[in-house]
């Protein structure tokens, strides 16, 4: 059986620090492998969520890996802050850059600061557009919904993108996020994904059973 890494999205816990601390404790106890910190600045996307100050406190309360997804207008400005706060993986959006050299520089900086570097692709961005940058990253996050809002329905177009990326690079880690439940996660993993991120499905069901189902264990 293929090992599936499950990241629990921070979105359902909202912006209340107490709720975040309670939620991450449950996710750790119920078998999540990573805490996927969804960071939105209200500029790159409409909504606003947590930031590096939350990460600092959460890091002190959990042994989970911290997978930070930056949906912000200027990722380069905050890379160092997330490194200092304890991010293990830092993923930045290809769409947040209008200059390839700046994008490469940002990915290199993430690695230099000791984090795994990830590239996030929004729903309408092609896999082929990031092919020149794959050598500078460790992971690609394929959005299966439009970035910026939880509770959306999984888009089947993500499956084609996962397959296309796997053909381009057989070793790179592929993460998929958006509308992930026990059915869409199986489709994504079969297509070549290594990591599935889920928010609403875990939050709205019995968390332990939901996480195990994402791992294909029931």
Protein backbone atom coordinates (compact mmCIF):
# COMPACT_ATOMS: atom_id res chain seq x y z
CA UNK A 1 0.00 0.00 0.00
CA UNK A 2 1.28 3.44 -0.94
CA UNK A 3 2.15 5.55 2.10
CA UNK A 4 0.06 8.70 2.10
CA UNK A 5 1.17 11.74 4.07
CA UNK A 6 -1.77 13.69 5.49
CA UNK A 7 -1.57 17.39 6.20
CA UNK A 8 -4.34 18.90 8.33
CA UNK A 9 -5.25 22.39 7.16
CA UNK A 10 -5.30 25.16 9.76
CA UNK A 11 -8.25 26.91 8.06
CA UNK A 12 -11.09 25.28 10.07
CA UNK A 13 -9.58 26.57 13.34
CA UNK A 14 -9.85 30.18 12.24
CA UNK A 15 -7.77 33.08 13.57
CA UNK A 16 -8.29 32.47 17.29
CA UNK A 17 -5.02 31.33 18.86
CA UNK A 18 -6.75 29.19 21.46
CA UNK A 19 -8.73 27.40 18.74
CA UNK A 20 -5.55 26.81 16.74
CA UNK A 21 -3.76 25.32 19.74
CA UNK A 22 -6.70 23.06 20.53
CA UNK A 23 -7.05 21.97 16.90
CA UNK A 24 -3.39 21.16 16.34
CA UNK A 25 -3.37 19.06 19.50
CA UNK A 26 -6.29 17.04 18.17
CA UNK A 27 -4.65 16.66 14.75
CA UNK A 28 -1.46 15.37 16.34
CA UNK A 29 -3.35 12.92 18.57
CA UNK A 30 -5.55 11.67 15.74
CA UNK A 31 -2.75 10.79 13.33
CA UNK A 32 -2.08 13.75 11.03
CA UNK A 33 1.50 13.84 9.74
CA UNK A 34 1.77 17.58 9.19
CA UNK A 35 0.01 20.81 10.08
CA UNK A 36 -0.67 22.77 6.90
CA UNK A 37 -0.63 26.41 7.90
CA UNK A 38 -2.67 28.33 5.33
CA UNK A 39 -1.43 31.91 5.35
CA UNK A 40 -3.56 34.51 3.52
CA UNK A 41 -2.87 38.24 3.60
CA UNK A 42 -6.14 39.60 2.22
CA UNK A 43 -4.24 40.95 -0.80
CA UNK A 44 -3.06 38.02 -2.90
CA UNK A 45 -6.37 36.38 -2.00
CA UNK A 46 -9.46 38.00 -0.48
CA UNK A 47 -9.42 36.31 2.91
CA UNK A 48 -6.99 36.89 5.77
CA UNK A 49 -5.84 34.16 8.14
CA UNK A 50 -2.94 33.37 10.47
CA UNK A 51 0.69 34.50 10.11
CA UNK A 52 4.15 33.70 11.46
CA UNK A 53 3.24 34.82 14.98
CA UNK A 54 0.80 31.92 15.19
CA UNK A 55 3.45 29.54 13.91
CA UNK A 56 5.81 30.53 16.72
CA UNK A 57 3.27 29.52 19.37
CA UNK A 58 2.02 26.42 17.58
CA UNK A 59 5.58 25.19 17.11
CA UNK A 60 6.08 25.19 20.88
CA UNK A 61 2.96 23.05 21.35
CA UNK A 62 3.34 20.33 18.72
CA UNK A 63 5.84 17.87 17.29
CA UNK A 64 4.11 17.83 13.90
CA UNK A 65 5.92 19.02 10.80
CA UNK A 66 4.84 22.52 9.82
CA UNK A 67 3.94 22.89 6.17
CA UNK A 68 3.41 26.61 5.51
CA UNK A 69 1.47 27.65 2.41
CA UNK A 70 1.97 31.35 1.69
CA UNK A 71 -0.89 32.96 -0.20
CA UNK A 72 0.57 36.44 0.12
CA UNK A 73 1.35 39.28 -2.25
CA UNK A 74 5.08 39.53 -1.55
CA UNK A 75 6.42 36.20 -0.24
CA UNK A 76 10.07 37.28 -0.33
CA UNK A 77 9.54 39.82 2.45
CA UNK A 78 8.43 37.20 4.96
CA UNK A 79 10.54 34.13 4.14
CA UNK A 80 13.01 34.84 6.94
CA UNK A 81 10.21 35.34 9.46
CA UNK A 82 8.74 31.91 8.76
CA UNK A 83 12.16 30.30 8.91
CA UNK A 84 12.77 31.86 12.32
CA UNK A 85 9.28 30.82 13.50
CA UNK A 86 10.04 27.18 12.70
CA UNK A 87 8.53 26.25 9.34
CA UNK A 88 9.75 22.93 7.96
CA UNK A 89 8.30 23.44 4.49
CA UNK A 90 7.63 26.84 2.95
CA UNK A 91 5.56 26.97 -0.22
CA UNK A 92 5.21 30.09 -2.33
CA UNK A 93 2.90 30.77 -5.26
CA UNK A 94 4.30 30.96 -8.77
CA UNK A 95 1.54 33.50 -9.50
CA UNK A 96 2.88 35.88 -6.83
CA UNK A 97 5.96 36.69 -8.97
CA UNK A 98 6.23 38.63 -12.20
CA UNK A 99 9.95 38.03 -12.56
CA UNK A 100 11.53 34.58 -12.96
CA UNK A 101 14.85 35.63 -11.42
CA UNK A 102 13.11 36.88 -8.28
CA UNK A 103 11.16 33.64 -8.08
CA UNK A 104 14.32 31.55 -8.29
CA UNK A 105 16.02 33.78 -5.72
CA UNK A 106 13.12 33.27 -3.31
CA UNK A 107 13.23 29.48 -3.72
CA UNK A 108 16.98 29.45 -3.12
CA UNK A 109 16.52 31.60 -0.01
CA UNK A 110 13.99 29.15 1.43
CA UNK A 111 16.45 26.29 1.05
CA UNK A 112 19.35 28.35 2.37
CA UNK A 113 17.39 29.01 5.55
CA UNK A 114 16.98 25.29 6.14
CA UNK A 115 13.44 24.73 4.90
CA UNK A 116 12.11 22.59 2.09
CA UNK A 117 11.09 24.83 -0.81
CA UNK A 118 7.68 24.40 -2.37
CA UNK A 119 6.00 25.87 -5.44
CA UNK A 120 2.23 26.31 -5.31
CA UNK A 121 0.15 26.29 -8.48
CA UNK A 122 -3.30 27.85 -8.44
CA UNK A 123 -6.16 26.08 -10.18
CA UNK A 124 -5.77 27.79 -13.55
CA UNK A 125 -1.96 27.63 -13.79
CA UNK A 126 -0.40 24.93 -15.96
CA UNK A 127 2.25 22.51 -14.76
CA UNK A 128 4.39 23.29 -17.80
CA UNK A 129 4.80 26.90 -16.64
CA UNK A 130 6.93 25.80 -13.68
CA UNK A 131 9.07 23.18 -15.43
CA UNK A 132 12.16 25.49 -15.50
CA UNK A 133 11.95 25.92 -11.72
CA UNK A 134 11.58 22.32 -10.56
CA UNK A 135 15.31 21.99 -9.87
CA UNK A 136 15.05 24.78 -7.31
CA UNK A 137 12.26 23.20 -5.25
CA UNK A 138 11.56 20.06 -3.25
CA UNK A 139 7.79 20.00 -3.54
CA UNK A 140 4.96 21.18 -5.76
CA UNK A 141 1.57 22.00 -4.28
CA UNK A 142 -1.20 21.57 -6.81
CA UNK A 143 -4.34 23.44 -5.85
CA UNK A 144 -7.49 21.47 -6.65
CA UNK A 145 -9.64 24.51 -5.85
CA UNK A 146 -9.15 28.23 -6.37
CA UNK A 147 -6.70 29.45 -3.72
CA UNK A 148 -8.07 31.55 -0.88
CA UNK A 149 -11.16 29.83 0.50
CA UNK A 150 -11.95 26.59 2.31
CA UNK A 151 -14.89 24.27 1.70
CA UNK A 152 -14.74 24.25 -2.10
CA UNK A 153 -15.40 21.26 -4.34
CA UNK A 154 -12.46 19.26 -5.70
CA UNK A 155 -11.66 19.98 -9.35
CA UNK A 156 -10.90 16.95 -11.49
CA UNK A 157 -8.48 19.09 -13.52
CA UNK A 158 -6.00 18.60 -10.68
CA UNK A 159 -5.70 14.90 -11.54
CA UNK A 160 -4.42 15.71 -15.02
CA UNK A 161 -1.93 18.17 -13.54
CA UNK A 162 -0.65 15.62 -11.02
CA UNK A 163 -0.10 13.08 -13.81
CA UNK A 164 1.61 15.68 -16.01
CA UNK A 165 3.93 16.76 -13.20
CA UNK A 166 4.81 13.17 -12.36
CA UNK A 167 5.85 12.67 -15.98
CA UNK A 168 8.06 15.76 -15.81
CA UNK A 169 9.70 14.70 -12.56
CA UNK A 170 9.45 11.20 -11.12
CA UNK A 171 11.00 12.07 -7.76
CA UNK A 172 9.62 15.45 -6.72
CA UNK A 173 7.09 15.46 -3.89
CA UNK A 174 3.58 16.28 -5.06
CA UNK A 175 1.06 17.75 -2.66
CA UNK A 176 -2.61 18.38 -3.44
CA UNK A 177 -4.92 20.71 -1.54
CA UNK A 178 -8.58 21.65 -1.92
CA UNK A 179 -11.78 19.65 -1.60
CA UNK A 180 -9.87 16.64 -0.34
CA UNK A 181 -11.95 13.82 1.12
CA UNK A 182 -11.64 10.02 1.19
CA UNK A 183 -12.61 9.77 -2.49
CA UNK A 184 -10.65 12.64 -4.04
CA UNK A 185 -7.58 11.75 -1.99
CA UNK A 186 -7.53 8.25 -3.46
CA UNK A 187 -7.78 9.68 -6.97
CA UNK A 188 -4.93 12.10 -6.27
CA UNK A 189 -2.66 9.42 -4.81
CA UNK A 190 -3.37 7.06 -7.69
CA UNK A 191 -2.40 9.86 -10.08
CA UNK A 192 0.93 10.33 -8.31
CA UNK A 193 0.43 12.59 -5.29
CA UNK A 194 2.46 11.96 -2.13
CA UNK A 195 0.75 14.38 0.26
CA UNK A 196 -2.92 15.26 0.66
CA UNK A 197 -4.12 18.29 2.59
CA UNK A 198 -7.59 18.35 4.05
CA UNK A 199 -9.55 20.88 6.07
CA UNK A 200 -13.35 20.65 5.96
CA UNK A 201 -13.46 16.87 5.55
CA UNK A 202 -11.43 16.30 8.72
CA UNK A 203 -13.17 19.07 10.64
CA UNK A 204 -16.73 18.02 9.74
CA UNK A 205 -16.27 14.33 10.50
CA UNK A 206 -14.78 12.18 13.25
CA UNK A 207 -11.20 13.40 12.89
CA UNK A 208 -9.41 10.10 13.58
CA UNK A 209 -11.59 8.15 11.14
CA UNK A 210 -11.31 10.89 8.52
CA UNK A 211 -7.51 10.98 8.72
CA UNK A 212 -7.28 7.20 8.53
CA UNK A 213 -9.58 7.16 5.49
CA UNK A 214 -7.33 9.72 3.78
CA UNK A 215 -4.48 7.31 4.36
CA UNK A 216 -6.55 4.54 2.77
CA UNK A 217 -6.83 2.50 5.94
CA UNK A 218 -10.60 2.14 6.10
